[in-house]
Amino acid sequence: MIAAELIHNIWSTRKADSLVGMKLMLAEVIGGSDDGRRLIVVDTIGAGIGDRVIVCTGSSARKMLHTDDVPVDAAVVGIIDADCVFE
C-alpha cells in the first residue's frame, strides 16, 4: 500500500467501457523512495482533491472493484486522518 495525496481530477473523452462511471484522480506519493511520483488512481470511496489517501496497486486494486476484468492498476482504499504526519 502507498500513502498519497489526491491533487487533481482526471477526465477523458474516451475510455474502456469497463471504466465508465469510475472517478479517476491524479495522486502524488507521500514519503518513501517514490516520494513525489504521480499515479492515476480510481477513487471508489468518495475522496477529494487535497485528501491524503491509502492506495493499493496491482491485483489488489482490481479486487477493490470486485472484478479482474477492469484495466486498473491503482485504487483508493482509505482516507488518512488529517492528524497523521509523514517523514
N, C-alpha and C. Protein backbone atom coordinates (compact mmCIF):
# COMPACT_ATOMS: atom_id res chain seq x y z
N MET A 1 0.84 -1.18 0.00
CA MET A 1 0.00 0.00 0.00
C MET A 1 0.88 1.24 0.00
N ILE A 2 0.33 2.31 -0.52
CA ILE A 2 1.06 3.56 -0.72
C ILE A 2 0.25 4.70 -0.10
N ALA A 3 0.94 5.62 0.57
CA ALA A 3 0.30 6.85 1.03
C ALA A 3 0.46 7.89 -0.07
N ALA A 4 -0.61 8.60 -0.39
CA ALA A 4 -0.57 9.59 -1.46
C ALA A 4 -1.55 10.73 -1.16
N GLU A 5 -1.37 11.84 -1.88
CA GLU A 5 -2.31 12.95 -1.79
C GLU A 5 -2.96 13.13 -3.14
N LEU A 6 -4.28 13.27 -3.13
CA LEU A 6 -5.01 13.49 -4.38
C LEU A 6 -4.85 14.95 -4.79
N ILE A 7 -4.34 15.16 -6.01
CA ILE A 7 -4.02 16.52 -6.42
C ILE A 7 -4.87 17.05 -7.58
N HIS A 8 -5.57 16.18 -8.27
CA HIS A 8 -6.37 16.67 -9.40
C HIS A 8 -7.33 15.58 -9.88
N ASN A 9 -8.40 15.99 -10.54
CA ASN A 9 -9.30 15.06 -11.22
C ASN A 9 -8.75 14.75 -12.59
N ILE A 10 -9.10 13.59 -13.12
CA ILE A 10 -8.72 13.19 -14.48
C ILE A 10 -10.00 13.00 -15.28
N TRP A 11 -10.09 13.65 -16.42
CA TRP A 11 -11.22 13.46 -17.32
C TRP A 11 -10.71 12.83 -18.60
N SER A 12 -11.55 12.06 -19.25
CA SER A 12 -11.16 11.50 -20.55
C SER A 12 -12.36 11.56 -21.48
N THR A 13 -12.07 11.79 -22.75
CA THR A 13 -13.15 11.84 -23.73
C THR A 13 -13.56 10.43 -24.15
N ARG A 14 -12.63 9.49 -24.06
CA ARG A 14 -12.92 8.09 -24.37
C ARG A 14 -12.17 7.23 -23.37
N LYS A 15 -12.82 6.16 -22.96
CA LYS A 15 -12.14 5.20 -22.09
C LYS A 15 -12.79 3.84 -22.26
N ALA A 16 -12.13 2.82 -21.75
CA ALA A 16 -12.65 1.46 -21.83
C ALA A 16 -14.05 1.40 -21.22
N ASP A 17 -14.92 0.62 -21.81
CA ASP A 17 -16.29 0.51 -21.32
C ASP A 17 -16.35 0.12 -19.84
N SER A 18 -15.41 -0.69 -19.40
CA SER A 18 -15.42 -1.13 -18.00
C SER A 18 -15.05 -0.02 -17.02
N LEU A 19 -14.54 1.12 -17.53
CA LEU A 19 -14.20 2.25 -16.67
C LEU A 19 -15.29 3.31 -16.60
N VAL A 20 -16.34 3.16 -17.39
CA VAL A 20 -17.43 4.13 -17.40
C VAL A 20 -18.04 4.21 -16.00
N GLY A 21 -18.20 5.44 -15.51
CA GLY A 21 -18.78 5.67 -14.20
C GLY A 21 -17.77 5.67 -13.06
N MET A 22 -16.52 5.38 -13.35
CA MET A 22 -15.49 5.39 -12.30
C MET A 22 -14.80 6.75 -12.26
N LYS A 23 -14.52 7.22 -11.06
CA LYS A 23 -13.87 8.51 -10.84
C LYS A 23 -12.35 8.31 -10.84
N LEU A 24 -11.68 8.94 -11.81
CA LEU A 24 -10.23 8.85 -11.92
C LEU A 24 -9.60 10.11 -11.36
N MET A 25 -8.51 9.95 -10.59
CA MET A 25 -7.84 11.09 -9.98
C MET A 25 -6.33 10.95 -10.10
N LEU A 26 -5.64 12.09 -10.05
CA LEU A 26 -4.18 12.12 -10.06
C LEU A 26 -3.72 12.18 -8.62
N ALA A 27 -2.83 11.26 -8.23
CA ALA A 27 -2.33 11.18 -6.86
C ALA A 27 -0.81 11.34 -6.87
N GLU A 28 -0.28 11.98 -5.82
CA GLU A 28 1.16 12.13 -5.66
C GLU A 28 1.58 11.39 -4.40
N VAL A 29 2.58 10.49 -4.56
CA VAL A 29 3.04 9.66 -3.45
C VAL A 29 3.68 10.52 -2.38
N ILE A 30 3.40 10.17 -1.11
CA ILE A 30 3.95 10.87 0.04
C ILE A 30 4.95 9.94 0.72
N GLY A 31 6.19 10.39 0.87
CA GLY A 31 7.20 9.65 1.61
C GLY A 31 7.78 8.47 0.86
N GLY A 32 8.81 7.89 1.46
CA GLY A 32 9.47 6.72 0.88
C GLY A 32 10.31 7.06 -0.33
N SER A 33 10.82 6.03 -0.97
CA SER A 33 11.71 6.22 -2.13
C SER A 33 10.96 6.74 -3.36
N ASP A 34 9.64 6.57 -3.38
CA ASP A 34 8.83 7.05 -4.51
C ASP A 34 8.20 8.41 -4.26
N ASP A 35 8.64 9.11 -3.22
CA ASP A 35 8.08 10.42 -2.86
C ASP A 35 8.02 11.33 -4.09
N GLY A 36 6.84 11.90 -4.33
CA GLY A 36 6.66 12.81 -5.45
C GLY A 36 6.20 12.15 -6.74
N ARG A 37 6.29 10.83 -6.82
CA ARG A 37 5.84 10.13 -8.02
C ARG A 37 4.33 10.29 -8.14
N ARG A 38 3.85 10.42 -9.36
CA ARG A 38 2.41 10.60 -9.59
C ARG A 38 1.82 9.37 -10.24
N LEU A 39 0.58 9.06 -9.86
CA LEU A 39 -0.13 7.96 -10.47
C LEU A 39 -1.60 8.30 -10.63
N ILE A 40 -2.21 7.64 -11.57
CA ILE A 40 -3.65 7.79 -11.77
C ILE A 40 -4.33 6.67 -10.99
N VAL A 41 -5.30 7.04 -10.17
CA VAL A 41 -5.99 6.08 -9.31
C VAL A 41 -7.49 6.15 -9.54
N VAL A 42 -8.16 5.06 -9.25
CA VAL A 42 -9.62 5.03 -9.26
C VAL A 42 -10.07 5.29 -7.82
N ASP A 43 -10.95 6.26 -7.65
CA ASP A 43 -11.47 6.59 -6.32
C ASP A 43 -12.83 5.93 -6.15
N THR A 44 -12.88 4.93 -5.29
CA THR A 44 -14.14 4.21 -5.07
C THR A 44 -14.81 4.58 -3.76
N ILE A 45 -14.17 5.47 -2.97
CA ILE A 45 -14.71 5.78 -1.63
C ILE A 45 -15.12 7.23 -1.45
N GLY A 46 -15.02 8.05 -2.50
CA GLY A 46 -15.50 9.42 -2.40
C GLY A 46 -14.51 10.41 -1.82
N ALA A 47 -13.22 10.15 -1.97
CA ALA A 47 -12.21 11.10 -1.52
C ALA A 47 -12.19 12.29 -2.48
N GLY A 48 -11.53 13.37 -2.08
CA GLY A 48 -11.49 14.55 -2.92
C GLY A 48 -10.10 15.14 -3.01
N ILE A 49 -9.96 16.14 -3.85
CA ILE A 49 -8.68 16.82 -4.02
C ILE A 49 -8.21 17.35 -2.67
N GLY A 50 -6.93 17.11 -2.38
CA GLY A 50 -6.35 17.55 -1.13
C GLY A 50 -6.37 16.49 -0.04
N ASP A 51 -7.17 15.45 -0.21
CA ASP A 51 -7.20 14.37 0.78
C ASP A 51 -5.94 13.52 0.68
N ARG A 52 -5.44 13.10 1.83
CA ARG A 52 -4.37 12.10 1.87
C ARG A 52 -5.05 10.75 1.95
N VAL A 53 -4.59 9.83 1.12
CA VAL A 53 -5.27 8.54 0.97
C VAL A 53 -4.30 7.37 1.00
N ILE A 54 -4.86 6.19 1.19
CA ILE A 54 -4.12 4.95 1.07
C ILE A 54 -4.50 4.34 -0.28
N VAL A 55 -3.49 3.98 -1.05
CA VAL A 55 -3.70 3.44 -2.39
C VAL A 55 -3.15 2.02 -2.43
N CYS A 56 -3.93 1.09 -2.97
CA CYS A 56 -3.39 -0.25 -3.23
C CYS A 56 -3.19 -0.38 -4.74
N THR A 57 -2.25 -1.23 -5.11
CA THR A 57 -1.89 -1.37 -6.52
C THR A 57 -2.01 -2.82 -6.98
N GLY A 58 -1.97 -2.99 -8.29
CA GLY A 58 -1.97 -4.32 -8.88
C GLY A 58 -3.29 -5.05 -8.71
N SER A 59 -3.19 -6.36 -8.49
CA SER A 59 -4.41 -7.18 -8.40
C SER A 59 -5.27 -6.78 -7.20
N SER A 60 -4.66 -6.22 -6.15
CA SER A 60 -5.44 -5.75 -5.01
C SER A 60 -6.38 -4.61 -5.41
N ALA A 61 -5.94 -3.76 -6.32
CA ALA A 61 -6.78 -2.66 -6.79
C ALA A 61 -7.98 -3.21 -7.55
N ARG A 62 -7.76 -4.21 -8.37
CA ARG A 62 -8.87 -4.80 -9.11
C ARG A 62 -9.85 -5.52 -8.18
N LYS A 63 -9.36 -6.14 -7.12
CA LYS A 63 -10.24 -6.79 -6.14
C LYS A 63 -11.14 -5.76 -5.46
N MET A 64 -10.62 -4.55 -5.25
CA MET A 64 -11.40 -3.48 -4.65
C MET A 64 -12.61 -3.14 -5.52
N LEU A 65 -12.48 -3.36 -6.83
CA LEU A 65 -13.56 -3.08 -7.78
C LEU A 65 -14.43 -4.31 -8.02
N HIS A 66 -14.14 -5.42 -7.33
CA HIS A 66 -14.90 -6.66 -7.40
C HIS A 66 -14.88 -7.31 -8.77
N THR A 67 -13.79 -7.09 -9.53
CA THR A 67 -13.65 -7.74 -10.82
C THR A 67 -12.18 -7.75 -11.23
N ASP A 68 -11.81 -8.72 -12.00
CA ASP A 68 -10.44 -8.77 -12.54
C ASP A 68 -10.40 -8.31 -13.99
N ASP A 69 -11.57 -7.94 -14.53
CA ASP A 69 -11.67 -7.59 -15.95
C ASP A 69 -11.48 -6.11 -16.25
N VAL A 70 -11.25 -5.29 -15.25
CA VAL A 70 -11.14 -3.85 -15.45
C VAL A 70 -9.65 -3.45 -15.51
N PRO A 71 -9.28 -2.57 -16.45
CA PRO A 71 -7.87 -2.19 -16.61
C PRO A 71 -7.43 -1.13 -15.60
N VAL A 72 -7.29 -1.54 -14.33
CA VAL A 72 -6.93 -0.61 -13.26
C VAL A 72 -5.69 -1.14 -12.54
N ASP A 73 -4.74 -0.24 -12.27
CA ASP A 73 -3.52 -0.61 -11.55
C ASP A 73 -3.45 -0.02 -10.15
N ALA A 74 -4.31 0.96 -9.83
CA ALA A 74 -4.25 1.61 -8.51
C ALA A 74 -5.65 2.08 -8.11
N ALA A 75 -6.00 1.85 -6.83
CA ALA A 75 -7.31 2.26 -6.33
C ALA A 75 -7.16 2.82 -4.92
N VAL A 76 -7.95 3.85 -4.62
CA VAL A 76 -8.00 4.43 -3.28
C VAL A 76 -8.80 3.48 -2.39
N VAL A 77 -8.21 3.11 -1.23
CA VAL A 77 -8.90 2.20 -0.32
C VAL A 77 -9.16 2.82 1.05
N GLY A 78 -8.62 4.01 1.30
CA GLY A 78 -8.84 4.66 2.59
C GLY A 78 -8.43 6.11 2.57
N ILE A 79 -9.03 6.90 3.46
CA ILE A 79 -8.66 8.31 3.64
C ILE A 79 -7.90 8.42 4.95
N ILE A 80 -6.74 9.06 4.91
CA ILE A 80 -5.89 9.20 6.08
C ILE A 80 -6.35 10.41 6.90
N ASP A 81 -6.43 10.24 8.23
CA ASP A 81 -6.81 11.34 9.11
C ASP A 81 -5.84 12.51 8.95
N ALA A 82 -6.35 13.72 9.10
CA ALA A 82 -5.54 14.94 8.93
C ALA A 82 -4.42 15.04 9.95
N ASP A 83 -4.51 14.35 11.09
CA ASP A 83 -3.51 14.47 12.15
C ASP A 83 -2.26 13.63 11.91
N CYS A 84 -2.25 12.77 10.89
CA CYS A 84 -1.09 11.92 10.62
C CYS A 84 0.05 12.74 10.02
N VAL A 85 1.28 12.41 10.41
CA VAL A 85 2.47 13.10 9.92
C VAL A 85 3.35 12.11 9.20
N PHE A 86 3.85 12.48 8.01
CA PHE A 86 4.75 11.62 7.24
C PHE A 86 6.12 12.26 7.19
N GLU A 87 7.15 11.45 7.39
CA GLU A 87 8.52 11.97 7.30
C GLU A 87 9.35 11.06 6.44
